[in-house]
């Protein structure tokens, strides 16, 4: 299993709505316990990696990215900048690659060339995407150390990072630093649909 038992608890409690693969878990929902994401890190020799939410001082930024999607690629430089600024302030970052139509032959060169400063977890079967209800790339989440989804949605208000005018993810991170709940806590995601 990529995720630990809280997925089952969410399904049983009725939080995840059918069809689960396409329904986002609402912001404000607390995941059961101090859980972790686990998967093969595409950037570091394919080693298995665990990202534990509880180990981040302020939260974990989970980013669904694609090797093929131009919307995702246009945001890579911005995401590197967010990592440089906010990883020093108590956030850990991880990307997740869930597109089932993108092989390692395509994915590995892309993400190595992108030189992202955080891990990119491979997500076979799109289990992580299905569990969180990630719809498109780039879909971003901010998850608290206790497992609460504080924010989910687009990185900004544009398909192309260069034309963005509202920076939703950065605003959410600043609000968490200030001890506030992100507002808005959910926004529309613009990008390429994650291929299950």
N, C-alpha and C. Protein backbone atom coordinates (compact mmCIF):
# COMPACT_ATOMS: atom_id res chain seq x y z
N UNK A 1 0.84 -1.20 0.00
CA UNK A 1 0.00 0.00 0.00
C UNK A 1 0.87 1.25 0.00
N UNK A 2 0.49 2.21 -0.80
CA UNK A 2 1.21 3.47 -0.84
C UNK A 2 0.91 4.29 0.40
N UNK A 3 -0.37 4.30 0.80
CA UNK A 3 -0.80 5.05 1.97
C UNK A 3 -1.00 4.08 3.13
N UNK A 4 -1.00 4.59 4.31
CA UNK A 4 -1.27 3.79 5.49
C UNK A 4 -2.77 3.71 5.76
N UNK A 5 -3.21 3.09 6.84
CA UNK A 5 -4.63 2.75 7.02
C UNK A 5 -5.64 3.88 7.02
N UNK A 6 -5.22 5.16 7.07
CA UNK A 6 -6.23 6.21 7.14
C UNK A 6 -7.12 6.26 5.90
N UNK A 7 -6.65 5.73 4.78
CA UNK A 7 -7.49 5.72 3.59
C UNK A 7 -8.76 4.92 3.85
N UNK A 8 -8.58 3.72 4.43
CA UNK A 8 -9.74 2.88 4.72
C UNK A 8 -10.69 3.60 5.66
N UNK A 9 -10.14 4.29 6.65
CA UNK A 9 -10.98 5.00 7.61
C UNK A 9 -11.78 6.11 6.93
N UNK A 10 -11.16 6.80 5.97
CA UNK A 10 -11.86 7.86 5.26
C UNK A 10 -13.00 7.29 4.43
N UNK A 11 -12.74 6.17 3.75
CA UNK A 11 -13.78 5.57 2.92
C UNK A 11 -14.94 5.11 3.79
N UNK A 12 -14.63 4.43 4.90
CA UNK A 12 -15.67 3.90 5.78
C UNK A 12 -16.50 5.04 6.37
N UNK A 13 -15.84 6.16 6.70
CA UNK A 13 -16.55 7.27 7.32
C UNK A 13 -17.41 8.05 6.32
N UNK A 14 -17.24 7.73 5.04
CA UNK A 14 -18.05 8.39 4.02
C UNK A 14 -17.53 9.73 3.60
N UNK A 15 -16.30 10.07 4.01
CA UNK A 15 -15.74 11.36 3.61
C UNK A 15 -15.45 11.38 2.13
N UNK A 16 -14.89 10.26 1.62
CA UNK A 16 -14.59 10.19 0.19
C UNK A 16 -15.87 9.82 -0.55
N UNK A 17 -16.23 10.66 -1.54
CA UNK A 17 -17.48 10.45 -2.26
C UNK A 17 -17.21 9.71 -3.56
N UNK A 18 -18.10 8.85 -3.97
CA UNK A 18 -17.95 8.10 -5.21
C UNK A 18 -18.20 9.02 -6.40
N UNK A 19 -17.48 8.80 -7.54
CA UNK A 19 -16.39 7.86 -7.60
C UNK A 19 -15.14 8.45 -6.97
N UNK A 20 -14.49 7.72 -6.08
CA UNK A 20 -13.40 8.26 -5.30
C UNK A 20 -12.25 8.79 -6.15
N UNK A 21 -12.00 8.15 -7.29
CA UNK A 21 -10.87 8.55 -8.13
C UNK A 21 -11.01 9.98 -8.63
N UNK A 22 -12.23 10.51 -8.67
CA UNK A 22 -12.43 11.84 -9.23
C UNK A 22 -13.02 12.83 -8.25
N UNK A 23 -13.12 12.47 -6.99
CA UNK A 23 -13.71 13.36 -5.99
C UNK A 23 -12.66 13.78 -4.97
N UNK A 24 -12.45 15.08 -4.85
CA UNK A 24 -11.46 15.59 -3.91
C UNK A 24 -11.97 15.49 -2.47
N UNK A 25 -11.06 15.19 -1.56
CA UNK A 25 -11.39 15.21 -0.14
C UNK A 25 -11.42 16.68 0.29
N UNK A 26 -12.47 17.15 0.93
CA UNK A 26 -12.58 18.57 1.25
C UNK A 26 -11.48 19.07 2.18
N UNK A 27 -11.06 20.30 1.95
CA UNK A 27 -10.13 20.95 2.88
C UNK A 27 -10.78 21.02 4.25
N UNK A 28 -9.97 20.94 5.28
CA UNK A 28 -10.49 20.95 6.64
C UNK A 28 -10.69 19.55 7.19
N UNK A 29 -10.59 18.56 6.32
CA UNK A 29 -10.74 17.18 6.75
C UNK A 29 -9.45 16.70 7.40
N UNK A 30 -9.56 16.09 8.55
CA UNK A 30 -8.36 15.59 9.23
C UNK A 30 -8.14 14.13 8.91
N UNK A 31 -6.96 13.82 8.42
CA UNK A 31 -6.60 12.44 8.12
C UNK A 31 -6.30 11.73 9.44
N UNK A 32 -6.57 10.45 9.48
CA UNK A 32 -6.46 9.71 10.73
C UNK A 32 -5.00 9.48 11.10
N UNK A 33 -4.58 10.01 12.22
CA UNK A 33 -3.23 9.75 12.73
C UNK A 33 -2.15 10.53 12.00
N UNK A 34 -0.91 10.28 12.37
CA UNK A 34 0.25 10.89 11.72
C UNK A 34 0.72 9.94 10.63
N UNK A 35 0.21 10.11 9.44
CA UNK A 35 0.46 9.16 8.38
C UNK A 35 1.51 9.66 7.41
N UNK A 36 1.83 8.80 6.44
CA UNK A 36 2.93 9.10 5.52
C UNK A 36 2.57 8.71 4.10
N UNK A 37 3.23 9.37 3.15
CA UNK A 37 3.19 8.96 1.75
C UNK A 37 4.43 8.11 1.51
N UNK A 38 4.26 7.03 0.79
CA UNK A 38 5.42 6.20 0.47
C UNK A 38 5.43 5.86 -1.01
N UNK A 39 6.62 5.81 -1.58
CA UNK A 39 6.74 5.45 -2.99
C UNK A 39 8.17 5.48 -3.44
N UNK A 40 8.36 5.08 -4.70
CA UNK A 40 9.70 5.08 -5.30
C UNK A 40 10.02 6.50 -5.75
N UNK A 41 11.17 6.99 -5.31
CA UNK A 41 11.60 8.35 -5.66
C UNK A 41 12.24 8.32 -7.04
N UNK A 42 11.61 8.98 -8.01
CA UNK A 42 12.10 8.97 -9.38
C UNK A 42 13.44 9.68 -9.55
N UNK A 43 13.80 10.55 -8.63
CA UNK A 43 15.02 11.35 -8.79
C UNK A 43 16.24 10.76 -8.10
N UNK A 44 16.08 9.76 -7.28
CA UNK A 44 17.21 9.25 -6.50
C UNK A 44 17.32 7.74 -6.62
N UNK A 45 17.71 7.29 -7.82
CA UNK A 45 18.00 5.88 -8.09
C UNK A 45 16.82 4.96 -7.79
N UNK A 46 15.63 5.48 -7.82
CA UNK A 46 14.46 4.63 -7.61
C UNK A 46 14.31 4.09 -6.21
N UNK A 47 14.94 4.75 -5.23
CA UNK A 47 14.87 4.25 -3.86
C UNK A 47 13.49 4.51 -3.26
N UNK A 48 13.07 3.63 -2.34
CA UNK A 48 11.80 3.81 -1.64
C UNK A 48 11.94 4.95 -0.62
N UNK A 49 10.92 5.77 -0.53
CA UNK A 49 10.98 6.93 0.34
C UNK A 49 9.66 7.07 1.09
N UNK A 50 9.75 7.55 2.33
CA UNK A 50 8.55 7.81 3.12
C UNK A 50 8.54 9.28 3.52
N UNK A 51 7.42 9.93 3.25
CA UNK A 51 7.22 11.33 3.64
C UNK A 51 6.19 11.34 4.75
N UNK A 52 6.64 11.59 5.98
CA UNK A 52 5.77 11.55 7.15
C UNK A 52 5.27 12.96 7.44
N UNK A 53 3.95 13.15 7.41
CA UNK A 53 3.38 14.47 7.66
C UNK A 53 3.82 15.04 9.00
N UNK A 54 3.93 14.18 10.00
CA UNK A 54 4.23 14.63 11.36
C UNK A 54 5.64 15.21 11.49
N UNK A 55 6.52 14.93 10.52
CA UNK A 55 7.90 15.41 10.62
C UNK A 55 8.08 16.84 10.14
N UNK A 56 7.05 17.41 9.54
CA UNK A 56 7.13 18.79 9.06
C UNK A 56 6.64 19.73 10.16
N UNK A 57 7.40 20.77 10.44
CA UNK A 57 7.04 21.70 11.51
C UNK A 57 5.69 22.37 11.25
N UNK A 58 5.49 22.86 10.03
CA UNK A 58 4.26 23.58 9.70
C UNK A 58 3.34 22.82 8.75
N UNK A 59 3.91 21.98 7.89
CA UNK A 59 3.06 21.24 6.96
C UNK A 59 3.83 20.64 5.81
N UNK A 60 3.12 19.83 5.05
CA UNK A 60 3.68 19.17 3.87
C UNK A 60 2.96 19.67 2.64
N UNK A 61 3.74 20.11 1.66
CA UNK A 61 3.20 20.54 0.37
C UNK A 61 3.30 19.35 -0.58
N UNK A 62 2.15 18.86 -1.04
CA UNK A 62 2.09 17.74 -1.97
C UNK A 62 1.68 18.28 -3.33
N UNK A 63 2.49 18.00 -4.35
CA UNK A 63 2.30 18.56 -5.68
C UNK A 63 2.16 17.45 -6.71
N UNK A 64 1.06 17.39 -7.40
CA UNK A 64 0.88 16.40 -8.46
C UNK A 64 1.39 17.00 -9.77
N UNK A 65 2.43 16.36 -10.34
CA UNK A 65 3.09 16.88 -11.54
C UNK A 65 3.10 15.83 -12.64
N UNK A 66 3.35 16.30 -13.86
CA UNK A 66 3.38 15.44 -15.03
C UNK A 66 4.62 15.72 -15.86
N UNK A 67 5.12 14.68 -16.53
CA UNK A 67 6.26 14.85 -17.42
C UNK A 67 5.83 15.38 -18.79
N UNK A 68 4.55 15.24 -19.10
CA UNK A 68 4.06 15.57 -20.44
C UNK A 68 3.24 16.86 -20.48
N UNK A 69 2.64 17.22 -19.38
CA UNK A 69 1.70 18.35 -19.35
C UNK A 69 2.42 19.70 -19.37
N UNK A 70 2.13 20.56 -20.37
CA UNK A 70 2.78 21.88 -20.42
C UNK A 70 2.38 22.78 -19.24
N UNK A 71 1.18 22.58 -18.72
CA UNK A 71 0.74 23.38 -17.56
C UNK A 71 1.61 23.06 -16.35
N UNK A 72 1.86 21.78 -16.15
CA UNK A 72 2.72 21.33 -15.05
C UNK A 72 4.13 21.87 -15.23
N UNK A 73 4.67 21.71 -16.44
CA UNK A 73 6.05 22.14 -16.71
C UNK A 73 6.23 23.64 -16.50
N UNK A 74 5.21 24.42 -16.86
CA UNK A 74 5.34 25.88 -16.73
C UNK A 74 5.44 26.32 -15.27
N UNK A 75 5.01 25.45 -14.34
CA UNK A 75 5.04 25.79 -12.92
C UNK A 75 6.29 25.29 -12.19
N UNK A 76 7.13 24.54 -12.85
CA UNK A 76 8.27 23.94 -12.16
C UNK A 76 9.22 24.97 -11.56
N UNK A 77 9.52 26.03 -12.30
CA UNK A 77 10.42 27.05 -11.77
C UNK A 77 9.80 27.75 -10.56
N UNK A 78 8.50 28.05 -10.63
CA UNK A 78 7.83 28.67 -9.50
C UNK A 78 7.86 27.76 -8.28
N UNK A 79 7.64 26.47 -8.49
CA UNK A 79 7.64 25.51 -7.37
C UNK A 79 9.03 25.40 -6.75
N UNK A 80 10.05 25.49 -7.57
CA UNK A 80 11.42 25.49 -7.02
C UNK A 80 11.63 26.73 -6.15
N UNK A 81 11.11 27.86 -6.60
CA UNK A 81 11.21 29.08 -5.80
C UNK A 81 10.45 28.98 -4.49
N UNK A 82 9.27 28.37 -4.53
CA UNK A 82 8.49 28.19 -3.30
C UNK A 82 9.23 27.27 -2.33
N UNK A 83 9.84 26.23 -2.86
CA UNK A 83 10.62 25.33 -2.01
C UNK A 83 11.77 26.10 -1.34
N UNK A 84 12.50 26.87 -2.11
CA UNK A 84 13.65 27.62 -1.56
C UNK A 84 13.20 28.55 -0.44
N UNK A 85 12.05 29.16 -0.59
CA UNK A 85 11.57 30.12 0.41
C UNK A 85 10.93 29.44 1.62
N UNK A 86 10.09 28.44 1.37
CA UNK A 86 9.24 27.92 2.45
C UNK A 86 9.76 26.66 3.12
N UNK A 87 10.70 25.96 2.50
CA UNK A 87 11.27 24.80 3.19
C UNK A 87 12.10 25.25 4.39
N UNK A 88 12.59 26.48 4.34
CA UNK A 88 13.37 27.03 5.46
C UNK A 88 12.46 27.47 6.61
N UNK A 89 11.17 27.55 6.33
CA UNK A 89 10.23 28.05 7.34
C UNK A 89 9.36 26.95 7.96
N UNK A 90 9.69 25.70 7.64
CA UNK A 90 8.98 24.61 8.31
C UNK A 90 8.08 23.75 7.45
N UNK A 91 8.18 23.88 6.12
CA UNK A 91 7.39 23.05 5.22
C UNK A 91 8.28 22.03 4.52
N UNK A 92 7.78 20.82 4.37
CA UNK A 92 8.45 19.86 3.51
C UNK A 92 7.65 19.74 2.22
N UNK A 93 8.35 19.47 1.14
CA UNK A 93 7.73 19.40 -0.18
C UNK A 93 7.94 18.02 -0.78
N UNK A 94 6.94 17.54 -1.51
CA UNK A 94 7.06 16.30 -2.27
C UNK A 94 6.16 16.39 -3.49
N UNK A 95 6.67 15.92 -4.62
CA UNK A 95 5.86 15.83 -5.83
C UNK A 95 5.41 14.38 -6.00
N UNK A 96 4.30 14.21 -6.69
CA UNK A 96 3.76 12.88 -6.98
C UNK A 96 3.47 12.79 -8.46
N UNK A 97 3.95 11.72 -9.09
CA UNK A 97 3.69 11.50 -10.52
C UNK A 97 2.70 10.35 -10.64
N UNK A 98 1.47 10.65 -11.07
CA UNK A 98 0.38 9.67 -11.08
C UNK A 98 -0.11 9.28 -12.46
N UNK A 99 0.34 9.95 -13.51
CA UNK A 99 -0.17 9.66 -14.85
C UNK A 99 0.23 8.27 -15.32
N UNK A 100 -0.76 7.44 -15.56
CA UNK A 100 -0.50 6.05 -15.93
C UNK A 100 -0.10 5.89 -17.40
N UNK A 101 -0.23 6.95 -18.19
CA UNK A 101 0.15 6.88 -19.60
C UNK A 101 1.56 7.44 -19.85
N UNK A 102 2.30 7.74 -18.79
CA UNK A 102 3.67 8.25 -18.93
C UNK A 102 4.64 7.22 -18.35
N UNK A 103 5.47 6.65 -19.20
CA UNK A 103 6.40 5.61 -18.77
C UNK A 103 7.65 6.21 -18.14
N UNK A 104 8.44 5.36 -17.49
CA UNK A 104 9.71 5.81 -16.90
C UNK A 104 10.63 6.40 -17.96
N UNK A 105 10.57 5.89 -19.19
CA UNK A 105 11.43 6.40 -20.27
C UNK A 105 11.14 7.87 -20.55
N UNK A 106 9.92 8.28 -20.31
CA UNK A 106 9.54 9.68 -20.50
C UNK A 106 9.71 10.49 -19.22
N UNK A 107 9.34 9.86 -18.11
CA UNK A 107 9.31 10.60 -16.84
C UNK A 107 10.68 10.90 -16.27
N UNK A 108 11.55 9.89 -16.25
CA UNK A 108 12.85 10.07 -15.60
C UNK A 108 13.66 11.19 -16.23
N UNK A 109 13.82 11.24 -17.57
CA UNK A 109 14.58 12.35 -18.16
C UNK A 109 13.96 13.71 -17.88
N UNK A 110 12.62 13.77 -17.92
CA UNK A 110 11.96 15.07 -17.69
C UNK A 110 12.26 15.60 -16.29
N UNK A 111 12.03 14.78 -15.27
CA UNK A 111 12.19 15.28 -13.91
C UNK A 111 13.66 15.50 -13.54
N UNK A 112 14.56 14.72 -14.13
CA UNK A 112 15.98 14.97 -13.88
C UNK A 112 16.41 16.28 -14.50
N UNK A 113 15.92 16.56 -15.72
CA UNK A 113 16.23 17.83 -16.38
C UNK A 113 15.63 19.01 -15.62
N UNK A 114 14.45 18.81 -15.03
CA UNK A 114 13.78 19.89 -14.28
C UNK A 114 14.54 20.26 -13.01
N UNK A 115 15.35 19.33 -12.50
CA UNK A 115 16.17 19.57 -11.30
C UNK A 115 15.34 20.10 -10.13
N UNK A 116 14.23 19.43 -9.88
CA UNK A 116 13.41 19.80 -8.73
C UNK A 116 14.17 19.48 -7.44
N UNK A 117 14.13 20.36 -6.46
CA UNK A 117 14.90 20.16 -5.22
C UNK A 117 14.19 19.29 -4.18
N UNK A 118 13.13 18.62 -4.59
CA UNK A 118 12.39 17.75 -3.67
C UNK A 118 12.08 16.44 -4.40
N UNK A 119 11.71 15.43 -3.64
CA UNK A 119 11.46 14.10 -4.19
C UNK A 119 10.24 14.11 -5.10
N UNK A 120 10.27 13.24 -6.11
CA UNK A 120 9.12 12.98 -6.98
C UNK A 120 8.77 11.51 -6.80
N UNK A 121 7.65 11.25 -6.15
CA UNK A 121 7.23 9.87 -5.90
C UNK A 121 6.45 9.32 -7.07
N UNK A 122 6.83 8.12 -7.52
CA UNK A 122 6.05 7.44 -8.54
C UNK A 122 4.78 6.87 -7.89
N UNK A 123 3.67 6.96 -8.61
CA UNK A 123 2.38 6.57 -8.04
C UNK A 123 1.69 5.54 -8.93
N UNK A 124 2.18 4.29 -8.93
CA UNK A 124 1.57 3.27 -9.78
C UNK A 124 0.12 3.03 -9.40
N UNK A 125 -0.73 2.95 -10.44
CA UNK A 125 -2.15 2.77 -10.19
C UNK A 125 -2.84 4.03 -9.73
N UNK A 126 -2.11 5.14 -9.67
CA UNK A 126 -2.65 6.43 -9.21
C UNK A 126 -3.31 6.32 -7.84
N UNK A 127 -2.73 5.50 -6.96
CA UNK A 127 -3.32 5.29 -5.64
C UNK A 127 -3.33 6.56 -4.79
N UNK A 128 -2.22 7.30 -4.84
CA UNK A 128 -2.14 8.53 -4.04
C UNK A 128 -3.11 9.57 -4.62
N UNK A 129 -3.12 9.70 -5.95
CA UNK A 129 -4.03 10.65 -6.59
C UNK A 129 -5.48 10.30 -6.28
N UNK A 130 -5.82 9.03 -6.33
CA UNK A 130 -7.18 8.61 -6.04
C UNK A 130 -7.56 8.88 -4.59
N UNK A 131 -6.62 8.62 -3.69
CA UNK A 131 -6.90 8.78 -2.27
C UNK A 131 -7.14 10.24 -1.90
N UNK A 132 -6.36 11.15 -2.48
CA UNK A 132 -6.54 12.57 -2.18
C UNK A 132 -7.54 13.24 -3.11
N UNK A 133 -7.92 12.55 -4.18
CA UNK A 133 -8.84 13.15 -5.13
C UNK A 133 -8.19 14.16 -6.05
N UNK A 134 -6.90 13.99 -6.31
CA UNK A 134 -6.20 14.91 -7.22
C UNK A 134 -6.74 14.73 -8.63
N UNK A 135 -7.03 15.85 -9.29
CA UNK A 135 -7.70 15.82 -10.59
C UNK A 135 -6.79 16.14 -11.76
N UNK A 136 -5.93 17.13 -11.60
CA UNK A 136 -5.13 17.62 -12.72
C UNK A 136 -3.70 17.90 -12.27
N UNK A 137 -2.85 18.21 -13.24
CA UNK A 137 -1.49 18.65 -12.93
C UNK A 137 -1.33 20.09 -13.44
N UNK A 138 -0.87 20.98 -12.53
CA UNK A 138 -0.45 20.74 -11.15
C UNK A 138 -1.59 20.95 -10.13
N UNK A 139 -1.89 19.92 -9.35
CA UNK A 139 -2.83 20.01 -8.23
C UNK A 139 -1.99 20.03 -6.97
N UNK A 140 -2.22 21.01 -6.11
CA UNK A 140 -1.39 21.16 -4.91
C UNK A 140 -2.21 21.03 -3.64
N UNK A 141 -1.55 20.51 -2.60
CA UNK A 141 -2.16 20.33 -1.28
C UNK A 141 -1.20 20.85 -0.22
N UNK A 142 -1.75 21.40 0.85
CA UNK A 142 -0.98 21.69 2.06
C UNK A 142 -1.62 20.88 3.17
N UNK A 143 -0.83 19.99 3.77
CA UNK A 143 -1.33 19.08 4.81
C UNK A 143 -0.60 19.37 6.11
N UNK A 144 -1.34 19.55 7.18
CA UNK A 144 -0.75 19.89 8.48
C UNK A 144 0.00 18.69 9.05
N UNK A 145 0.87 18.93 10.06
CA UNK A 145 1.59 17.82 10.69
C UNK A 145 0.67 16.77 11.30
N UNK A 146 -0.55 17.15 11.67
CA UNK A 146 -1.47 16.16 12.24
C UNK A 146 -2.35 15.51 11.17
N UNK A 147 -2.14 15.90 9.92
CA UNK A 147 -2.85 15.26 8.83
C UNK A 147 -4.10 15.95 8.35
N UNK A 148 -4.26 17.23 8.63
CA UNK A 148 -5.43 17.97 8.16
C UNK A 148 -5.11 18.63 6.83
N UNK A 149 -6.02 18.50 5.87
CA UNK A 149 -5.85 19.19 4.59
C UNK A 149 -6.20 20.66 4.79
N UNK A 150 -5.17 21.49 4.78
CA UNK A 150 -5.36 22.93 5.02
C UNK A 150 -5.72 23.67 3.74
N UNK A 151 -5.18 23.20 2.62
CA UNK A 151 -5.44 23.84 1.33
C UNK A 151 -5.36 22.78 0.25
N UNK A 152 -6.19 22.95 -0.79
CA UNK A 152 -6.05 22.13 -1.99
C UNK A 152 -6.56 22.91 -3.17
N UNK A 153 -5.87 22.73 -4.30
CA UNK A 153 -6.28 23.41 -5.52
C UNK A 153 -5.09 23.78 -6.37
N UNK A 154 -5.29 24.78 -7.22
CA UNK A 154 -4.24 25.20 -8.13
C UNK A 154 -3.10 25.90 -7.41
N UNK A 155 -1.94 25.87 -8.03
CA UNK A 155 -0.79 26.63 -7.54
C UNK A 155 -1.11 28.12 -7.68
N UNK A 156 -1.78 28.46 -8.78
CA UNK A 156 -2.19 29.85 -9.03
C UNK A 156 -3.45 29.82 -9.89
N UNK A 157 -3.76 30.94 -10.52
CA UNK A 157 -5.01 31.06 -11.28
C UNK A 157 -4.84 30.90 -12.78
N UNK A 158 -3.76 30.25 -13.21
CA UNK A 158 -3.51 30.16 -14.64
C UNK A 158 -2.98 28.79 -15.06
N UNK A 159 -3.27 28.41 -16.31
CA UNK A 159 -2.66 27.22 -16.91
C UNK A 159 -1.15 27.43 -17.03
N UNK A 160 -0.75 28.66 -17.31
CA UNK A 160 0.65 29.02 -17.54
C UNK A 160 1.12 29.90 -16.39
N UNK A 161 2.13 29.42 -15.68
CA UNK A 161 2.61 30.16 -14.50
C UNK A 161 3.04 31.57 -14.83
N UNK A 162 3.47 31.80 -16.06
CA UNK A 162 3.98 33.12 -16.44
C UNK A 162 2.88 34.18 -16.57
N UNK A 163 1.64 33.73 -16.67
CA UNK A 163 0.54 34.69 -16.81
C UNK A 163 -0.34 34.76 -15.57
N UNK A 164 0.08 34.11 -14.50
CA UNK A 164 -0.72 34.08 -13.27
C UNK A 164 -0.81 35.45 -12.61
N UNK A 165 -1.96 35.71 -12.00
CA UNK A 165 -2.17 36.96 -11.27
C UNK A 165 -2.48 36.71 -9.78
N UNK A 166 -2.96 35.51 -9.47
CA UNK A 166 -3.26 35.15 -8.08
C UNK A 166 -2.46 33.91 -7.72
N UNK A 167 -1.74 33.98 -6.61
CA UNK A 167 -0.82 32.92 -6.23
C UNK A 167 -1.37 32.19 -5.01
N UNK A 168 -2.29 31.28 -5.28
CA UNK A 168 -3.07 30.64 -4.20
C UNK A 168 -2.22 29.82 -3.24
N UNK A 169 -1.31 29.01 -3.77
CA UNK A 169 -0.51 28.16 -2.90
C UNK A 169 0.39 29.01 -2.00
N UNK A 170 1.04 30.00 -2.57
CA UNK A 170 1.92 30.86 -1.78
C UNK A 170 1.12 31.62 -0.71
N UNK A 171 -0.05 32.09 -1.06
CA UNK A 171 -0.91 32.76 -0.08
C UNK A 171 -1.26 31.82 1.07
N UNK A 172 -1.59 30.57 0.73
CA UNK A 172 -1.93 29.59 1.76
C UNK A 172 -0.75 29.34 2.70
N UNK A 173 0.44 29.24 2.14
CA UNK A 173 1.63 29.00 2.97
C UNK A 173 1.88 30.18 3.91
N UNK A 174 1.73 31.39 3.39
CA UNK A 174 1.91 32.58 4.24
C UNK A 174 0.88 32.63 5.36
N UNK A 175 -0.34 32.22 5.07
CA UNK A 175 -1.38 32.22 6.10
C UNK A 175 -1.10 31.18 7.17
N UNK A 176 -0.60 30.03 6.78
CA UNK A 176 -0.24 29.01 7.77
C UNK A 176 0.89 29.52 8.67
N UNK A 177 1.88 30.17 8.08
CA UNK A 177 2.98 30.75 8.87
C UNK A 177 2.45 31.75 9.88
N UNK A 178 1.43 32.51 9.47
CA UNK A 178 0.83 33.52 10.36
C UNK A 178 -0.12 32.92 11.39
N UNK A 179 -0.26 31.58 11.36
CA UNK A 179 -1.15 30.93 12.32
C UNK A 179 -2.61 30.98 11.92
N UNK A 180 -2.87 31.26 10.65
CA UNK A 180 -4.25 31.37 10.16
C UNK A 180 -4.62 30.16 9.31
N UNK A 181 -5.92 29.93 9.18
CA UNK A 181 -6.42 28.92 8.24
C UNK A 181 -6.39 29.53 6.84
N UNK A 182 -5.87 28.79 5.86
CA UNK A 182 -5.85 29.34 4.50
C UNK A 182 -7.24 29.70 4.00
N UNK A 183 -7.33 30.85 3.37
CA UNK A 183 -8.58 31.30 2.76
C UNK A 183 -8.23 32.01 1.44
N UNK A 184 -8.71 31.46 0.32
CA UNK A 184 -9.59 30.30 0.21
C UNK A 184 -8.84 29.00 0.53
N UNK A 185 -9.57 28.03 1.03
CA UNK A 185 -8.95 26.73 1.35
C UNK A 185 -9.05 25.76 0.18
N UNK A 186 -9.92 26.06 -0.78
CA UNK A 186 -10.07 25.23 -1.98
C UNK A 186 -10.28 26.14 -3.19
N UNK A 187 -9.52 25.87 -4.26
CA UNK A 187 -9.72 26.61 -5.51
C UNK A 187 -9.68 25.64 -6.68
N UNK A 188 -10.16 26.11 -7.80
CA UNK A 188 -10.17 25.30 -9.03
C UNK A 188 -8.74 25.00 -9.48
N UNK A 189 -8.56 23.81 -10.03
CA UNK A 189 -7.26 23.43 -10.59
C UNK A 189 -7.32 23.54 -12.10
N UNK A 190 -6.41 24.30 -12.68
CA UNK A 190 -6.30 24.41 -14.14
C UNK A 190 -5.10 23.62 -14.59
N UNK A 191 -5.29 22.74 -15.56
CA UNK A 191 -4.17 21.94 -16.03
C UNK A 191 -4.65 20.72 -16.79
N UNK A 192 -3.76 19.74 -16.92
CA UNK A 192 -4.05 18.51 -17.67
C UNK A 192 -4.61 17.47 -16.72
N UNK A 193 -5.64 16.77 -17.17
CA UNK A 193 -6.28 15.74 -16.35
C UNK A 193 -5.29 14.60 -16.08
N UNK A 194 -5.22 14.15 -14.84
CA UNK A 194 -4.38 13.00 -14.48
C UNK A 194 -4.99 11.76 -15.11
N UNK A 195 -4.17 11.05 -15.87
CA UNK A 195 -4.63 9.86 -16.58
C UNK A 195 -4.57 8.66 -15.65
N UNK A 196 -5.74 8.12 -15.30
CA UNK A 196 -5.81 6.95 -14.45
C UNK A 196 -5.49 5.69 -15.26
